[in-house]
Amino acid sequence: MHGIPAARSMRTMLAVALLALGGCAVSRGDLGDGLPKEKIAAVKEGQTTTTEVLALLGAPASIQQIGDMTVFHYYHYALKHGTFLVFSRINVAGDDTYVFLDHAGVVRQVLAGNRTDRLTFQFWPFGA
């Protein structure tokens, strides 16, 4: 009789170990190219031209016409995903840069955000 509880205990420990080892995964992905902060800083409002923006930052992901302004949009999105057993967490962050050019092709405004450098892996799905 003493062998039966020990066998159950061993089977339970083995099942838990297999679940723990088989239930872990991490992945990450990126969409778009990040722009170095130095290159964004080199774009000067009221001075830099369309040609200079293209030479510094490259081709934008999209171009919109808003009123008499042309808007270049550059982006980089990052995703980090972690799974532990049945718990899963996906974190996504983006770096968006918008360059507003007037009808003469001169930069009027640059808006840039950088959130991907603070993106972390998280396995626990509850809270921060």
C-alpha atoms as a PDB file:
ATOM      1  CA  MET A   1       0.000   0.000   0.000  1.00  0.00           C
ATOM      2  CA  HIS A   2       2.895   2.375   0.643  1.00  0.00           C
ATOM      3  CA  GLY A   3       3.935   2.344  -3.016  1.00  0.00           C
ATOM      4  CA  ILE A   4       0.600   3.643  -4.390  1.00  0.00           C
ATOM      5  CA  PRO A   5       0.681   7.180  -2.858  1.00  0.00           C
ATOM      6  CA  ALA A   6       4.356   7.535  -3.805  1.00  0.00           C
ATOM      7  CA  ALA A   7       3.585   6.541  -7.396  1.00  0.00           C
ATOM      8  CA  ARG A   8       0.731   9.062  -7.571  1.00  0.00           C
ATOM      9  CA  SER A   9       3.001  11.735  -6.142  1.00  0.00           C
ATOM     10  CA  MET A  10       5.679  10.975  -8.743  1.00  0.00           C
ATOM     11  CA  ARG A  11       3.111  11.039 -11.575  1.00  0.00           C
ATOM     12  CA  THR A  12       1.757  14.374 -10.310  1.00  0.00           C
ATOM     13  CA  MET A  13       5.256  15.879 -10.126  1.00  0.00           C
ATOM     14  CA  LEU A  14       6.051  14.580 -13.618  1.00  0.00           C
ATOM     15  CA  ALA A  15       2.822  16.041 -15.025  1.00  0.00           C
ATOM     16  CA  VAL A  16       3.521  19.436 -13.433  1.00  0.00           C
ATOM     17  CA  ALA A  17       7.100  19.416 -14.754  1.00  0.00           C
ATOM     18  CA  LEU A  18       5.942  18.570 -18.286  1.00  0.00           C
ATOM     19  CA  LEU A  19       3.310  21.297 -18.191  1.00  0.00           C
ATOM     20  CA  ALA A  20       5.815  23.860 -16.942  1.00  0.00           C
ATOM     21  CA  LEU A  21       8.421  22.957 -19.553  1.00  0.00           C
ATOM     22  CA  GLY A  22       5.942  22.619 -22.388  1.00  0.00           C
ATOM     23  CA  GLY A  23       4.014  25.781 -21.555  1.00  0.00           C
ATOM     24  CA  CYS A  24       6.715  28.448 -21.930  1.00  0.00           C
ATOM     25  CA  ALA A  25       7.210  30.576 -25.013  1.00  0.00           C
ATOM     26  CA  VAL A  26       8.529  33.997 -25.955  1.00  0.00           C
ATOM     27  CA  SER A  27       8.397  35.783 -29.271  1.00  0.00           C
ATOM     28  CA  ARG A  28       9.037  39.221 -30.659  1.00  0.00           C
ATOM     29  CA  GLY A  29       8.366  41.020 -33.885  1.00  0.00           C
ATOM     30  CA  ASP A  30       9.129  44.340 -35.559  1.00  0.00           C
ATOM     31  CA  LEU A  31       7.306  46.266 -38.253  1.00  0.00           C
ATOM     32  CA  GLY A  32       8.935  49.178 -40.025  1.00  0.00           C
ATOM     33  CA  ASP A  33      12.378  50.634 -39.500  1.00  0.00           C
ATOM     34  CA  GLY A  34      13.360  52.706 -36.508  1.00  0.00           C
ATOM     35  CA  LEU A  35      14.840  56.153 -37.069  1.00  0.00           C
ATOM     36  CA  PRO A  36      17.919  57.150 -35.082  1.00  0.00           C
ATOM     37  CA  LYS A  37      17.207  60.085 -32.746  1.00  0.00           C
ATOM     38  CA  GLU A  38      20.193  61.967 -34.182  1.00  0.00           C
ATOM     39  CA  LYS A  39      18.685  61.909 -37.668  1.00  0.00           C
ATOM     40  CA  ILE A  40      15.306  63.153 -36.411  1.00  0.00           C
ATOM     41  CA  ALA A  41      17.070  65.928 -34.476  1.00  0.00           C
ATOM     42  CA  ALA A  42      18.872  66.974 -37.673  1.00  0.00           C
ATOM     43  CA  VAL A  43      15.518  67.934 -39.250  1.00  0.00           C
ATOM     44  CA  LYS A  44      15.126  71.629 -38.383  1.00  0.00           C
ATOM     45  CA  GLU A  45      11.764  73.397 -38.457  1.00  0.00           C
ATOM     46  CA  GLY A  46      11.769  76.348 -40.861  1.00  0.00           C
ATOM     47  CA  GLN A  47      15.053  75.256 -42.486  1.00  0.00           C
ATOM     48  CA  THR A  48      15.127  71.653 -43.710  1.00  0.00           C
ATOM     49  CA  THR A  49      13.673  71.005 -47.182  1.00  0.00           C
ATOM     50  CA  THR A  50      11.816  68.000 -48.572  1.00  0.00           C
ATOM     51  CA  THR A  51      14.948  66.803 -50.395  1.00  0.00           C
ATOM     52  CA  GLU A  52      17.001  67.035 -47.200  1.00  0.00           C
ATOM     53  CA  VAL A  53      14.333  65.145 -45.190  1.00  0.00           C
ATOM     54  CA  LEU A  54      14.381  62.344 -47.751  1.00  0.00           C
ATOM     55  CA  ALA A  55      18.199  62.244 -47.681  1.00  0.00           C
ATOM     56  CA  LEU A  56      18.244  62.121 -43.858  1.00  0.00           C
ATOM     57  CA  LEU A  57      15.303  59.830 -43.099  1.00  0.00           C
ATOM     58  CA  GLY A  58      14.693  57.980 -46.345  1.00  0.00           C
ATOM     59  CA  ALA A  59      11.332  57.332 -47.964  1.00  0.00           C
ATOM     60  CA  PRO A  60       8.367  57.678 -45.595  1.00  0.00           C
ATOM     61  CA  ALA A  61       5.950  54.810 -44.978  1.00  0.00           C
ATOM     62  CA  SER A  62       3.099  57.068 -46.074  1.00  0.00           C
ATOM     63  CA  ILE A  63       2.503  60.573 -47.397  1.00  0.00           C
ATOM     64  CA  GLN A  64      -0.697  62.502 -46.717  1.00  0.00           C
ATOM     65  CA  GLN A  65      -1.895  65.840 -47.973  1.00  0.00           C
ATOM     66  CA  ILE A  66      -3.629  67.807 -45.188  1.00  0.00           C
ATOM     67  CA  GLY A  67      -4.750  71.231 -46.363  1.00  0.00           C
ATOM     68  CA  ASP A  68      -1.677  72.922 -47.808  1.00  0.00           C
ATOM     69  CA  MET A  69       0.678  70.705 -45.770  1.00  0.00           C
ATOM     70  CA  THR A  70       2.351  67.496 -46.865  1.00  0.00           C
ATOM     71  CA  VAL A  71       2.862  65.004 -44.018  1.00  0.00           C
ATOM     72  CA  PHE A  72       5.537  62.305 -44.086  1.00  0.00           C
ATOM     73  CA  HIS A  73       4.865  59.427 -41.682  1.00  0.00           C
ATOM     74  CA  TYR A  74       7.646  57.127 -40.499  1.00  0.00           C
ATOM     75  CA  TYR A  75       6.977  54.278 -38.062  1.00  0.00           C
ATOM     76  CA  HIS A  76       8.455  51.374 -36.172  1.00  0.00           C
ATOM     77  CA  TYR A  77       6.267  49.029 -34.100  1.00  0.00           C
ATOM     78  CA  ALA A  78       7.597  46.336 -31.794  1.00  0.00           C
ATOM     79  CA  LEU A  79       5.770  43.416 -30.197  1.00  0.00           C
ATOM     80  CA  LYS A  80       6.908  41.196 -27.333  1.00  0.00           C
ATOM     81  CA  HIS A  81       4.898  38.153 -26.290  1.00  0.00           C
ATOM     82  CA  GLY A  82       5.423  35.817 -23.368  1.00  0.00           C
ATOM     83  CA  THR A  83       3.490  32.713 -22.348  1.00  0.00           C
ATOM     84  CA  PHE A  84       3.879  30.685 -19.169  1.00  0.00           C
ATOM     85  CA  LEU A  85       1.522  27.736 -18.787  1.00  0.00           C
ATOM     86  CA  VAL A  86      -1.914  29.235 -19.491  1.00  0.00           C
ATOM     87  CA  PHE A  87      -0.893  32.868 -18.822  1.00  0.00           C
ATOM     88  CA  SER A  88      -0.049  35.051 -21.771  1.00  0.00           C
ATOM     89  CA  ARG A  89       0.875  38.704 -22.257  1.00  0.00           C
ATOM     90  CA  ILE A  90       1.419  40.700 -25.443  1.00  0.00           C
ATOM     91  CA  ASN A  91       3.030  44.132 -25.288  1.00  0.00           C
ATOM     92  CA  VAL A  92       3.116  46.430 -28.316  1.00  0.00           C
ATOM     93  CA  ALA A  93       4.792  49.824 -28.595  1.00  0.00           C
ATOM     94  CA  GLY A  94       5.365  52.205 -31.457  1.00  0.00           C
ATOM     95  CA  ASP A  95       7.714  54.921 -32.590  1.00  0.00           C
ATOM     96  CA  ASP A  96       5.917  57.330 -34.903  1.00  0.00           C
ATOM     97  CA  THR A  97       7.517  60.321 -36.598  1.00  0.00           C
ATOM     98  CA  TYR A  98       5.514  62.890 -38.537  1.00  0.00           C
ATOM     99  CA  VAL A  99       7.200  65.579 -40.633  1.00  0.00           C
ATOM    100  CA  PHE A 100       4.944  68.448 -41.757  1.00  0.00           C
ATOM    101  CA  LEU A 101       6.097  70.335 -44.868  1.00  0.00           C
ATOM    102  CA  ASP A 102       4.539  73.535 -46.213  1.00  0.00           C
ATOM    103  CA  HIS A 103       3.634  74.255 -49.851  1.00  0.00           C
ATOM    104  CA  ALA A 104       7.223  75.462 -50.477  1.00  0.00           C
ATOM    105  CA  GLY A 105       8.649  72.131 -49.272  1.00  0.00           C
ATOM    106  CA  VAL A 106      10.092  73.456 -45.999  1.00  0.00           C
ATOM    107  CA  VAL A 107       9.630  71.626 -42.683  1.00  0.00           C
ATOM    108  CA  ARG A 108       7.115  73.395 -40.421  1.00  0.00           C
ATOM    109  CA  GLN A 109       6.834  70.810 -37.629  1.00  0.00           C
ATOM    110  CA  VAL A 110       8.324  67.487 -36.536  1.00  0.00           C
ATOM    111  CA  LEU A 111       6.472  65.215 -34.106  1.00  0.00           C
ATOM    112  CA  ALA A 112       8.328  62.147 -32.878  1.00  0.00           C
ATOM    113  CA  GLY A 113       7.531  59.568 -30.218  1.00  0.00           C
ATOM    114  CA  ASN A 114       9.760  56.796 -28.917  1.00  0.00           C
ATOM    115  CA  ARG A 115       8.168  54.019 -26.895  1.00  0.00           C
ATOM    116  CA  THR A 116       9.806  50.850 -28.202  1.00  0.00           C
ATOM    117  CA  ASP A 117      12.953  51.305 -26.104  1.00  0.00           C
ATOM    118  CA  ARG A 118      10.892  50.704 -22.925  1.00  0.00           C
ATOM    119  CA  LEU A 119       9.081  47.595 -24.201  1.00  0.00           C
ATOM    120  CA  THR A 120       9.589  44.541 -21.981  1.00  0.00           C
ATOM    121  CA  PHE A 121       8.688  40.869 -21.912  1.00  0.00           C
ATOM    122  CA  GLN A 122       5.994  40.083 -19.343  1.00  0.00           C
ATOM    123  CA  PHE A 123       4.626  36.630 -18.581  1.00  0.00           C
ATOM    124  CA  TRP A 124       2.098  37.575 -15.930  1.00  0.00           C
ATOM    125  CA  PRO A 125      -1.072  38.866 -17.657  1.00  0.00           C
ATOM    126  CA  PHE A 126      -2.427  40.825 -14.696  1.00  0.00           C
ATOM    127  CA  GLY A 127      -1.246  44.332 -13.850  1.00  0.00           C
ATOM    128  CA  ALA A 128       1.923  46.017 -14.940  1.00  0.00           C
END
